[in-house]
Amino acid sequence: AAGLLRPIGGYVSDLLARKERDILPVFTGRYREQWTFVTLCFVVLTMF
């Protein structure tokens, strides 16, 4: 999972930046940053 799914993380970042799409009500206009923040939060939750 940690290896083979990694391209999806990069692809979504590229896609959001290319389409200029916000996925969070905060960090407006910072498309790659929004996606990175969401994924970091997910990591914390899965460790619990």
All heavy atoms as atom14 arrays in JSON, in Angstrom:
{
  "sequence": "AAGLLRPIGGYVSDLLARKERDILPVFTGRYREQWTFVTLCFVVLTMF",
  "atom14_mask": [
    [1, 1, 1, 1, 1, 0, 0, 0, 0, 0, 0, 0, 0, 0],
    [1, 1, 1, 1, 1, 0, 0, 0, 0, 0, 0, 0, 0, 0],
    [1, 1, 1, 1, 0, 0, 0, 0, 0, 0, 0, 0, 0, 0],
    [1, 1, 1, 1, 1, 1, 1, 1, 0, 0, 0, 0, 0, 0],
    [1, 1, 1, 1, 1, 1, 1, 1, 0, 0, 0, 0, 0, 0],
    [1, 1, 1, 1, 1, 1, 1, 1, 1, 1, 1, 0, 0, 0],
    [1, 1, 1, 1, 1, 1, 1, 0, 0, 0, 0, 0, 0, 0],
    [1, 1, 1, 1, 1, 1, 1, 1, 0, 0, 0, 0, 0, 0],
    [1, 1, 1, 1, 0, 0, 0, 0, 0, 0, 0, 0, 0, 0],
    [1, 1, 1, 1, 0, 0, 0, 0, 0, 0, 0, 0, 0, 0],
    [1, 1, 1, 1, 1, 1, 1, 1, 1, 1, 1, 1, 0, 0],
    [1, 1, 1, 1, 1, 1, 1, 0, 0, 0, 0, 0, 0, 0],
    [1, 1, 1, 1, 1, 1, 0, 0, 0, 0, 0, 0, 0, 0],
    [1, 1, 1, 1, 1, 1, 1, 1, 0, 0, 0, 0, 0, 0],
    [1, 1, 1, 1, 1, 1, 1, 1, 0, 0, 0, 0, 0, 0],
    [1, 1, 1, 1, 1, 1, 1, 1, 0, 0, 0, 0, 0, 0],
    [1, 1, 1, 1, 1, 0, 0, 0, 0, 0, 0, 0, 0, 0],
    [1, 1, 1, 1, 1, 1, 1, 1, 1, 1, 1, 0, 0, 0],
    [1, 1, 1, 1, 1, 1, 1, 1, 1, 0, 0, 0, 0, 0],
    [1, 1, 1, 1, 1, 1, 1, 1, 1, 0, 0, 0, 0, 0],
    [1, 1, 1, 1, 1, 1, 1, 1, 1, 1, 1, 0, 0, 0],
    [1, 1, 1, 1, 1, 1, 1, 1, 0, 0, 0, 0, 0, 0],
    [1, 1, 1, 1, 1, 1, 1, 1, 0, 0, 0, 0, 0, 0],
    [1, 1, 1, 1, 1, 1, 1, 1, 0, 0, 0, 0, 0, 0],
    [1, 1, 1, 1, 1, 1, 1, 0, 0, 0, 0, 0, 0, 0],
    [1, 1, 1, 1, 1, 1, 1, 0, 0, 0, 0, 0, 0, 0],
    [1, 1, 1, 1, 1, 1, 1, 1, 1, 1, 1, 0, 0, 0],
    [1, 1, 1, 1, 1, 1, 1, 0, 0, 0, 0, 0, 0, 0],
    [1, 1, 1, 1, 0, 0, 0, 0, 0, 0, 0, 0, 0, 0],
    [1, 1, 1, 1, 1, 1, 1, 1, 1, 1, 1, 0, 0, 0],
    [1, 1, 1, 1, 1, 1, 1, 1, 1, 1, 1, 1, 0, 0],
    [1, 1, 1, 1, 1, 1, 1, 1, 1, 1, 1, 0, 0, 0],
    [1, 1, 1, 1, 1, 1, 1, 1, 1, 0, 0, 0, 0, 0],
    [1, 1, 1, 1, 1, 1, 1, 1, 1, 0, 0, 0, 0, 0],
    [1, 1, 1, 1, 1, 1, 1, 1, 1, 1, 1, 1, 1, 1],
    [1, 1, 1, 1, 1, 1, 1, 0, 0, 0, 0, 0, 0, 0],
    [1, 1, 1, 1, 1, 1, 1, 1, 1, 1, 1, 0, 0, 0],
    [1, 1, 1, 1, 1, 1, 1, 0, 0, 0, 0, 0, 0, 0],
    [1, 1, 1, 1, 1, 1, 1, 0, 0, 0, 0, 0, 0, 0],
    [1, 1, 1, 1, 1, 1, 1, 1, 0, 0, 0, 0, 0, 0],
    [1, 1, 1, 1, 1, 1, 0, 0, 0, 0, 0, 0, 0, 0],
    [1, 1, 1, 1, 1, 1, 1, 1, 1, 1, 1, 0, 0, 0],
    [1, 1, 1, 1, 1, 1, 1, 0, 0, 0, 0, 0, 0, 0],
    [1, 1, 1, 1, 1, 1, 1, 0, 0, 0, 0, 0, 0, 0],
    [1, 1, 1, 1, 1, 1, 1, 1, 0, 0, 0, 0, 0, 0],
    [1, 1, 1, 1, 1, 1, 1, 0, 0, 0, 0, 0, 0, 0],
    [1, 1, 1, 1, 1, 1, 1, 1, 0, 0, 0, 0, 0, 0],
    [1, 1, 1, 1, 1, 1, 1, 1, 1, 1, 1, 0, 0, 0]
  ],
  "atom14_positions": [
    [[0.83, -1.21, 0.0], [0.0, 0.0, 0.0], [0.86, 1.25, 0.0], [0.64, 2.19, -0.78], [-0.93, 0.0, 1.22], [0.0, 0.0, 0.0], [0.0, 0.0, 0.0], [0.0, 0.0, 0.0], [0.0, 0.0, 0.0], [0.0, 0.0, 0.0], [0.0, 0.0, 0.0], [0.0, 0.0, 0.0], [0.0, 0.0, 0.0], [0.0, 0.0, 0.0]],
    [[1.89, 1.29, 0.86], [2.74, 2.47, 0.99], [3.53, 2.75, -0.28], [3.86, 3.9, -0.57], [3.69, 2.3, 2.17], [0.0, 0.0, 0.0], [0.0, 0.0, 0.0], [0.0, 0.0, 0.0], [0.0, 0.0, 0.0], [0.0, 0.0, 0.0], [0.0, 0.0, 0.0], [0.0, 0.0, 0.0], [0.0, 0.0, 0.0], [0.0, 0.0, 0.0]],
    [[3.82, 1.7, -1.04], [4.58, 1.88, -2.27], [3.74, 2.11, -3.5], [3.79, 3.16, -4.13], [0.0, 0.0, 0.0], [0.0, 0.0, 0.0], [0.0, 0.0, 0.0], [0.0, 0.0, 0.0], [0.0, 0.0, 0.0], [0.0, 0.0, 0.0], [0.0, 0.0, 0.0], [0.0, 0.0, 0.0], [0.0, 0.0, 0.0], [0.0, 0.0, 0.0]],
    [[2.89, 1.15, -3.81], [2.2, 1.18, -5.1], [1.12, 2.25, -5.19], [0.75, 2.65, -6.3], [1.58, -0.21, -5.37], [2.6, -1.35, -5.55], [1.89, -2.64, -5.89], [3.63, -1.01, -6.64], [0.0, 0.0, 0.0], [0.0, 0.0, 0.0], [0.0, 0.0, 0.0], [0.0, 0.0, 0.0], [0.0, 0.0, 0.0], [0.0, 0.0, 0.0]],
    [[0.61, 2.74, -4.05], [-0.43, 3.77, -4.1], [0.14, 5.18, -4.11], [-0.61, 6.15, -4.25], [-1.39, 3.59, -2.92], [-2.17, 2.27, -2.88], [-3.1, 2.25, -1.67], [-2.97, 2.07, -4.16], [0.0, 0.0, 0.0], [0.0, 0.0, 0.0], [0.0, 0.0, 0.0], [0.0, 0.0, 0.0], [0.0, 0.0, 0.0], [0.0, 0.0, 0.0]],
    [[1.43, 5.29, -3.97], [2.05, 6.62, -3.91], [1.81, 7.46, -5.17], [1.62, 8.67, -5.07], [3.54, 6.48, -3.63], [4.25, 7.81, -3.44], [5.6, 7.6, -2.81], [6.36, 8.83, -2.74], [7.41, 9.02, -1.95], [7.82, 8.06, -1.16], [8.06, 10.16, -1.95], [0.0, 0.0, 0.0], [0.0, 0.0, 0.0], [0.0, 0.0, 0.0]],
    [[1.82, 6.87, -6.37], [1.54, 7.69, -7.56], [0.2, 8.41, -7.5], [0.04, 9.49, -8.08], [1.58, 6.67, -8.7], [2.48, 5.59, -8.21], [2.2, 5.49, -6.74], [0.0, 0.0, 0.0], [0.0, 0.0, 0.0], [0.0, 0.0, 0.0], [0.0, 0.0, 0.0], [0.0, 0.0, 0.0], [0.0, 0.0, 0.0], [0.0, 0.0, 0.0]],
    [[-0.77, 7.82, -6.79], [-2.08, 8.47, -6.68], [-1.95, 9.79, -5.93], [-2.57, 10.79, -6.3], [-3.08, 7.54, -5.96], [-3.31, 6.27, -6.77], [-4.42, 8.26, -5.72], [-4.2, 5.25, -6.08], [0.0, 0.0, 0.0], [0.0, 0.0, 0.0], [0.0, 0.0, 0.0], [0.0, 0.0, 0.0], [0.0, 0.0, 0.0], [0.0, 0.0, 0.0]],
    [[-1.13, 9.81, -4.88], [-0.91, 11.05, -4.14], [-0.34, 12.14, -5.02], [-0.78, 13.29, -4.96], [0.0, 0.0, 0.0], [0.0, 0.0, 0.0], [0.0, 0.0, 0.0], [0.0, 0.0, 0.0], [0.0, 0.0, 0.0], [0.0, 0.0, 0.0], [0.0, 0.0, 0.0], [0.0, 0.0, 0.0], [0.0, 0.0, 0.0], [0.0, 0.0, 0.0]],
    [[0.65, 11.8, -5.86], [1.24, 12.77, -6.77], [0.28, 13.19, -7.86], [0.21, 14.37, -8.23], [0.0, 0.0, 0.0], [0.0, 0.0, 0.0], [0.0, 0.0, 0.0], [0.0, 0.0, 0.0], [0.0, 0.0, 0.0], [0.0, 0.0, 0.0], [0.0, 0.0, 0.0], [0.0, 0.0, 0.0], [0.0, 0.0, 0.0], [0.0, 0.0, 0.0]],
    [[-0.48, 12.23, -8.38], [-1.42, 12.52, -9.46], [-2.52, 13.47, -8.99], [-2.87, 14.42, -9.7], [-2.03, 11.23, -9.99], [-3.13, 11.47, -11.0], [-2.82, 11.84, -12.31], [-4.48, 11.35, -10.65], [-3.82, 12.08, -13.24], [-5.48, 11.59, -11.58], [-5.15, 11.96, -12.87], [-6.14, 12.21, -13.79], [0.0, 0.0, 0.0], [0.0, 0.0, 0.0]],
    [[-3.08, 13.22, -7.8], [-4.14, 14.1, -7.29], [-3.59, 15.51, -7.08], [-4.28, 16.51, -7.39], [-4.72, 13.55, -5.98], [-5.69, 14.55, -5.34], [-5.43, 12.23, -6.23], [0.0, 0.0, 0.0], [0.0, 0.0, 0.0], [0.0, 0.0, 0.0], [0.0, 0.0, 0.0], [0.0, 0.0, 0.0], [0.0, 0.0, 0.0], [0.0, 0.0, 0.0]],
    [[-2.37, 15.63, -6.59], [-1.76, 16.95, -6.41], [-1.62, 17.67, -7.74], [-1.96, 18.85, -7.86], [-0.38, 16.8, -5.75], [0.2, 18.05, -5.49], [0.0, 0.0, 0.0], [0.0, 0.0, 0.0], [0.0, 0.0, 0.0], [0.0, 0.0, 0.0], [0.0, 0.0, 0.0], [0.0, 0.0, 0.0], [0.0, 0.0, 0.0], [0.0, 0.0, 0.0]],
    [[-1.15, 16.96, -8.77], [-1.05, 17.54, -10.11], [-2.42, 17.96, -10.63], [-2.6, 19.04, -11.21], [-0.44, 16.53, -11.1], [1.06, 16.39, -10.96], [1.66, 17.21, -10.24], [1.63, 15.46, -11.55], [0.0, 0.0, 0.0], [0.0, 0.0, 0.0], [0.0, 0.0, 0.0], [0.0, 0.0, 0.0], [0.0, 0.0, 0.0], [0.0, 0.0, 0.0]],
    [[-3.41, 17.1, -10.43], [-4.75, 17.33, -10.94], [-5.39, 18.56, -10.31], [-5.97, 19.41, -11.0], [-5.63, 16.1, -10.69], [-7.05, 16.14, -11.27], [-6.99, 16.15, -12.79], [-7.86, 14.94, -10.77], [0.0, 0.0, 0.0], [0.0, 0.0, 0.0], [0.0, 0.0, 0.0], [0.0, 0.0, 0.0], [0.0, 0.0, 0.0], [0.0, 0.0, 0.0]],
    [[-5.29, 18.67, -8.99], [-5.87, 19.82, -8.3], [-5.18, 21.12, -8.71], [-5.84, 22.15, -8.89], [-5.77, 19.63, -6.78], [-6.59, 18.48, -6.18], [-6.29, 18.35, -4.69], [-8.07, 18.72, -6.41], [0.0, 0.0, 0.0], [0.0, 0.0, 0.0], [0.0, 0.0, 0.0], [0.0, 0.0, 0.0], [0.0, 0.0, 0.0], [0.0, 0.0, 0.0]],
    [[-3.86, 21.07, -8.88], [-3.13, 22.27, -9.3], [-3.49, 22.66, -10.72], [-3.65, 23.84, -11.04], [-1.63, 22.02, -9.17], [0.0, 0.0, 0.0], [0.0, 0.0, 0.0], [0.0, 0.0, 0.0], [0.0, 0.0, 0.0], [0.0, 0.0, 0.0], [0.0, 0.0, 0.0], [0.0, 0.0, 0.0], [0.0, 0.0, 0.0], [0.0, 0.0, 0.0]],
    [[-3.63, 21.66, -11.59], [-3.94, 21.92, -12.99], [-5.35, 22.47, -13.17], [-5.59, 23.39, -13.95], [-3.77, 20.62, -13.8], [-3.76, 20.81, -15.3], [-3.19, 19.6, -16.02], [-3.86, 18.36, -15.68], [-3.28, 17.35, -15.04], [-2.02, 17.44, -14.66], [-3.96, 16.24, -14.78], [0.0, 0.0, 0.0], [0.0, 0.0, 0.0], [0.0, 0.0, 0.0]],
    [[-6.29, 21.93, -12.4], [-7.69, 22.36, -12.52], [-8.02, 23.51, -11.56], [-9.15, 24.01, -11.57], [-8.62, 21.17, -12.25], [-8.56, 20.11, -13.33], [-9.59, 19.01, -13.08], [-9.61, 18.0, -14.22], [-10.09, 18.58, -15.49], [0.0, 0.0, 0.0], [0.0, 0.0, 0.0], [0.0, 0.0, 0.0], [0.0, 0.0, 0.0], [0.0, 0.0, 0.0]],
    [[-7.05, 23.86, -10.71], [-7.23, 24.94, -9.74], [-8.49, 24.7, -8.9], [-9.38, 25.56, -8.8], [-7.28, 26.31, -10.43], [-6.0, 26.63, -11.18], [-6.03, 28.02, -11.79], [-7.11, 28.64, -11.83], [-4.96, 28.49, -12.23], [0.0, 0.0, 0.0], [0.0, 0.0, 0.0], [0.0, 0.0, 0.0], [0.0, 0.0, 0.0], [0.0, 0.0, 0.0]],
    [[-8.54, 23.55, -8.27], [-9.73, 23.14, -7.53], [-9.44, 23.11, -6.03], [-8.52, 22.46, -5.56], [-10.17, 21.75, -7.99], [-11.44, 21.23, -7.31], [-11.91, 19.96, -7.98], [-12.25, 20.21, -9.38], [-12.49, 19.24, -10.26], [-12.43, 17.97, -9.88], [-12.8, 19.54, -11.51], [0.0, 0.0, 0.0], [0.0, 0.0, 0.0], [0.0, 0.0, 0.0]],
    [[-10.27, 23.82, -5.25], [-10.18, 23.82, -3.79], [-10.95, 22.62, -3.23], [-12.08, 22.37, -3.63], [-10.76, 25.11, -3.2], [-9.9, 26.32, -3.49], [-8.69, 26.25, -3.21], [-10.43, 27.33, -3.99], [0.0, 0.0, 0.0], [0.0, 0.0, 0.0], [0.0, 0.0, 0.0], [0.0, 0.0, 0.0], [0.0, 0.0, 0.0], [0.0, 0.0, 0.0]],
    [[-10.34, 21.91, -2.27], [-11.03, 20.79, -1.63], [-11.23, 21.04, -0.14], [-11.81, 20.21, 0.55], [-10.27, 19.46, -1.84], [-8.86, 19.55, -1.26], [-10.25, 19.08, -3.3], [-8.12, 18.22, -1.25], [0.0, 0.0, 0.0], [0.0, 0.0, 0.0], [0.0, 0.0, 0.0], [0.0, 0.0, 0.0], [0.0, 0.0, 0.0], [0.0, 0.0, 0.0]],
    [[-10.73, 22.18, 0.36], [-10.91, 22.56, 1.76], [-11.38, 24.01, 1.82], [-11.01, 24.83, 0.96], [-9.59, 22.45, 2.53], [-9.07, 21.06, 2.92], [-7.72, 21.19, 3.62], [-10.06, 20.34, 3.81], [0.0, 0.0, 0.0], [0.0, 0.0, 0.0], [0.0, 0.0, 0.0], [0.0, 0.0, 0.0], [0.0, 0.0, 0.0], [0.0, 0.0, 0.0]],
    [[-12.16, 24.35, 2.84], [-12.59, 25.74, 2.99], [-11.45, 26.66, 3.44], [-11.59, 27.88, 3.43], [-13.69, 25.65, 4.06], [-13.37, 24.41, 4.83], [-12.8, 23.45, 3.83], [0.0, 0.0, 0.0], [0.0, 0.0, 0.0], [0.0, 0.0, 0.0], [0.0, 0.0, 0.0], [0.0, 0.0, 0.0], [0.0, 0.0, 0.0], [0.0, 0.0, 0.0]],
    [[-10.34, 26.07, 3.87], [-9.17, 26.85, 4.25], [-8.08, 26.65, 3.2], [-8.17, 25.78, 2.34], [-8.64, 26.44, 5.63], [-9.63, 26.85, 6.72], [-8.39, 24.94, 5.7], [0.0, 0.0, 0.0], [0.0, 0.0, 0.0], [0.0, 0.0, 0.0], [0.0, 0.0, 0.0], [0.0, 0.0, 0.0], [0.0, 0.0, 0.0], [0.0, 0.0, 0.0]],
    [[-7.03, 27.46, 3.27], [-5.92, 27.42, 2.3], [-6.42, 27.65, 0.88], [-5.95, 27.03, -0.08], [-5.15, 26.09, 2.34], [-4.88, 25.55, 3.72], [-4.99, 24.2, 3.98], [-4.51, 26.39, 4.76], [-4.74, 23.69, 5.24], [-4.25, 25.9, 6.03], [-4.37, 24.54, 6.26], [0.0, 0.0, 0.0], [0.0, 0.0, 0.0], [0.0, 0.0, 0.0]],
    [[-7.38, 28.55, 0.72], [-7.98, 28.81, -0.6], [-6.92, 29.19, -1.63], [-6.07, 30.05, -1.38], [-9.01, 29.94, -0.5], [-10.0, 29.58, 0.47], [-9.68, 30.19, -1.84], [0.0, 0.0, 0.0], [0.0, 0.0, 0.0], [0.0, 0.0, 0.0], [0.0, 0.0, 0.0], [0.0, 0.0, 0.0], [0.0, 0.0, 0.0], [0.0, 0.0, 0.0]],
    [[-6.98, 28.53, -2.77], [-6.05, 28.82, -3.86], [-4.72, 28.08, -3.76], [-3.94, 28.11, -4.7], [0.0, 0.0, 0.0], [0.0, 0.0, 0.0], [0.0, 0.0, 0.0], [0.0, 0.0, 0.0], [0.0, 0.0, 0.0], [0.0, 0.0, 0.0], [0.0, 0.0, 0.0], [0.0, 0.0, 0.0], [0.0, 0.0, 0.0], [0.0, 0.0, 0.0]],
    [[-4.48, 27.4, -2.64], [-3.25, 26.62, -2.47], [-3.61, 25.15, -2.63], [-3.83, 24.42, -1.67], [-2.61, 26.88, -1.09], [-2.38, 28.34, -0.76], [-1.54, 29.05, -1.79], [-0.27, 28.39, -2.08], [0.64, 28.88, -2.89], [0.42, 30.01, -3.55], [1.77, 28.22, -3.09], [0.0, 0.0, 0.0], [0.0, 0.0, 0.0], [0.0, 0.0, 0.0]],
    [[-3.68, 24.72, -3.88], [-4.28, 23.43, -4.2], [-3.43, 22.24, -3.75], [-3.95, 21.28, -3.17], [-4.56, 23.36, -5.71], [-5.22, 24.61, -6.22], [-4.54, 25.53, -7.01], [-6.53, 24.91, -5.85], [-5.13, 26.69, -7.46], [-7.14, 26.09, -6.28], [-6.43, 26.97, -7.08], [-7.03, 28.14, -7.5], [0.0, 0.0, 0.0], [0.0, 0.0, 0.0]],
    [[-2.14, 22.3, -4.02], [-1.27, 21.21, -3.58], [-1.21, 21.14, -2.06], [-1.22, 20.05, -1.46], [0.14, 21.39, -4.15], [0.25, 21.24, -5.66], [1.71, 21.2, -6.08], [1.9, 21.28, -7.52], [1.87, 20.25, -8.36], [1.61, 19.04, -7.9], [2.09, 20.43, -9.65], [0.0, 0.0, 0.0], [0.0, 0.0, 0.0], [0.0, 0.0, 0.0]],
    [[-1.17, 22.3, -1.4], [-1.1, 22.34, 0.06], [-2.33, 21.74, 0.71], [-2.24, 21.03, 1.72], [-0.91, 23.79, 0.54], [0.48, 24.36, 0.3], [0.66, 24.96, -1.08], [-0.21, 24.73, -1.96], [1.67, 25.67, -1.3], [0.0, 0.0, 0.0], [0.0, 0.0, 0.0], [0.0, 0.0, 0.0], [0.0, 0.0, 0.0], [0.0, 0.0, 0.0]],
    [[-3.5, 22.0, 0.14], [-4.74, 21.45, 0.7], [-4.7, 19.92, 0.7], [-5.04, 19.28, 1.7], [-5.94, 21.93, -0.12], [-6.25, 23.41, 0.04], [-7.4, 23.84, -0.86], [-8.28, 23.05, -1.18], [-7.37, 25.09, -1.29], [0.0, 0.0, 0.0], [0.0, 0.0, 0.0], [0.0, 0.0, 0.0], [0.0, 0.0, 0.0], [0.0, 0.0, 0.0]],
    [[-4.28, 19.35, -0.4], [-4.24, 17.91, -0.52], [-3.22, 17.32, 0.45], [-3.48, 16.3, 1.11], [-3.93, 17.53, -1.96], [-3.69, 16.06, -2.21], [-2.59, 15.51, -2.78], [-4.58, 14.97, -1.93], [-2.72, 14.14, -2.86], [-3.94, 13.78, -2.35], [-5.85, 14.88, -1.36], [-4.51, 12.53, -2.22], [-6.43, 13.62, -1.22], [-5.77, 12.47, -1.65]],
    [[-2.06, 17.93, 0.57], [-1.04, 17.45, 1.5], [-1.57, 17.47, 2.93], [-1.37, 16.51, 3.69], [0.23, 18.31, 1.4], [0.76, 18.24, 0.07], [1.3, 17.83, 2.38], [0.0, 0.0, 0.0], [0.0, 0.0, 0.0], [0.0, 0.0, 0.0], [0.0, 0.0, 0.0], [0.0, 0.0, 0.0], [0.0, 0.0, 0.0], [0.0, 0.0, 0.0]],
    [[-2.26, 18.54, 3.32], [-2.78, 18.65, 4.68], [-3.81, 17.55, 4.97], [-3.79, 16.93, 6.03], [-3.42, 20.03, 4.87], [-3.92, 20.27, 6.27], [-3.04, 20.58, 7.29], [-5.28, 20.17, 6.57], [-3.5, 20.79, 8.58], [-5.74, 20.37, 7.86], [-4.84, 20.7, 8.87], [0.0, 0.0, 0.0], [0.0, 0.0, 0.0], [0.0, 0.0, 0.0]],
    [[-4.68, 17.28, 4.03], [-5.69, 16.23, 4.2], [-5.01, 14.87, 4.42], [-5.4, 14.09, 5.31], [-6.63, 16.17, 2.98], [-7.47, 14.89, 3.01], [-7.54, 17.38, 2.96], [0.0, 0.0, 0.0], [0.0, 0.0, 0.0], [0.0, 0.0, 0.0], [0.0, 0.0, 0.0], [0.0, 0.0, 0.0], [0.0, 0.0, 0.0], [0.0, 0.0, 0.0]],
    [[-4.01, 14.58, 3.64], [-3.34, 13.28, 3.75], [-2.59, 13.15, 5.08], [-2.55, 12.05, 5.66], [-2.37, 13.05, 2.58], [-1.36, 14.08, 2.57], [-3.11, 13.06, 1.25], [0.0, 0.0, 0.0], [0.0, 0.0, 0.0], [0.0, 0.0, 0.0], [0.0, 0.0, 0.0], [0.0, 0.0, 0.0], [0.0, 0.0, 0.0], [0.0, 0.0, 0.0]],
    [[-2.01, 14.23, 5.58], [-1.31, 14.17, 6.86], [-2.28, 13.88, 8.0], [-1.98, 13.1, 8.91], [-0.56, 15.49, 7.13], [0.6, 15.83, 6.19], [1.21, 17.17, 6.57], [1.66, 14.74, 6.22], [0.0, 0.0, 0.0], [0.0, 0.0, 0.0], [0.0, 0.0, 0.0], [0.0, 0.0, 0.0], [0.0, 0.0, 0.0], [0.0, 0.0, 0.0]],
    [[-3.43, 14.51, 7.96], [-4.45, 14.25, 8.98], [-4.89, 12.78, 8.95], [-5.1, 12.16, 10.0], [-5.66, 15.16, 8.77], [-5.34, 16.91, 9.12], [0.0, 0.0, 0.0], [0.0, 0.0, 0.0], [0.0, 0.0, 0.0], [0.0, 0.0, 0.0], [0.0, 0.0, 0.0], [0.0, 0.0, 0.0], [0.0, 0.0, 0.0], [0.0, 0.0, 0.0]],
    [[-5.0, 12.24, 7.75], [-5.41, 10.85, 7.6], [-4.38, 9.9, 8.23], [-4.74, 8.9, 8.87], [-5.61, 10.52, 6.13], [-6.09, 9.12, 5.87], [-7.39, 8.75, 6.17], [-5.24, 8.17, 5.32], [-7.84, 7.46, 5.94], [-5.67, 6.87, 5.09], [-6.98, 6.52, 5.39], [0.0, 0.0, 0.0], [0.0, 0.0, 0.0], [0.0, 0.0, 0.0]],
    [[-3.1, 10.21, 8.08], [-2.04, 9.39, 8.66], [-2.18, 9.32, 10.18], [-2.09, 8.25, 10.79], [-0.64, 9.93, 8.27], [0.45, 9.24, 9.1], [-0.37, 9.71, 6.8], [0.0, 0.0, 0.0], [0.0, 0.0, 0.0], [0.0, 0.0, 0.0], [0.0, 0.0, 0.0], [0.0, 0.0, 0.0], [0.0, 0.0, 0.0], [0.0, 0.0, 0.0]],
    [[-2.41, 10.47, 10.81], [-2.56, 10.51, 12.27], [-3.73, 9.63, 12.72], [-3.61, 8.84, 13.67], [-2.76, 11.95, 12.76], [-3.03, 11.98, 14.27], [-1.54, 12.81, 12.44], [0.0, 0.0, 0.0], [0.0, 0.0, 0.0], [0.0, 0.0, 0.0], [0.0, 0.0, 0.0], [0.0, 0.0, 0.0], [0.0, 0.0, 0.0], [0.0, 0.0, 0.0]],
    [[-4.85, 9.74, 12.05], [-6.03, 8.96, 12.43], [-5.78, 7.46, 12.28], [-6.21, 6.66, 13.13], [-7.22, 9.39, 11.57], [-7.75, 10.8, 11.81], [-8.87, 11.13, 10.82], [-8.26, 10.96, 13.25], [0.0, 0.0, 0.0], [0.0, 0.0, 0.0], [0.0, 0.0, 0.0], [0.0, 0.0, 0.0], [0.0, 0.0, 0.0], [0.0, 0.0, 0.0]],
    [[-5.1, 7.06, 11.21], [-4.87, 5.63, 11.0], [-3.9, 5.05, 12.04], [-4.0, 3.86, 12.37], [-4.32, 5.35, 9.58], [-3.12, 6.1, 9.37], [-5.35, 5.7, 8.53], [0.0, 0.0, 0.0], [0.0, 0.0, 0.0], [0.0, 0.0, 0.0], [0.0, 0.0, 0.0], [0.0, 0.0, 0.0], [0.0, 0.0, 0.0], [0.0, 0.0, 0.0]],
    [[-2.99, 5.87, 12.56], [-2.08, 5.38, 13.59], [-2.83, 5.1, 14.9], [-2.54, 4.12, 15.59], [-0.95, 6.37, 13.81], [0.1, 6.31, 12.72], [0.96, 4.71, 12.65], [2.1, 4.88, 14.02], [0.0, 0.0, 0.0], [0.0, 0.0, 0.0], [0.0, 0.0, 0.0], [0.0, 0.0, 0.0], [0.0, 0.0, 0.0], [0.0, 0.0, 0.0]],
    [[-3.78, 5.94, 15.24], [-4.63, 5.63, 16.39], [-5.42, 4.35, 16.12], [-5.6, 3.51, 17.02], [-5.59, 6.78, 16.68], [-4.95, 7.96, 17.37], [-4.9, 9.21, 16.77], [-4.39, 7.82, 18.63], [-4.31, 10.29, 17.41], [-3.8, 8.9, 19.29], [-3.76, 10.14, 18.66], [0.0, 0.0, 0.0], [0.0, 0.0, 0.0], [0.0, 0.0, 0.0]]
  ]
}
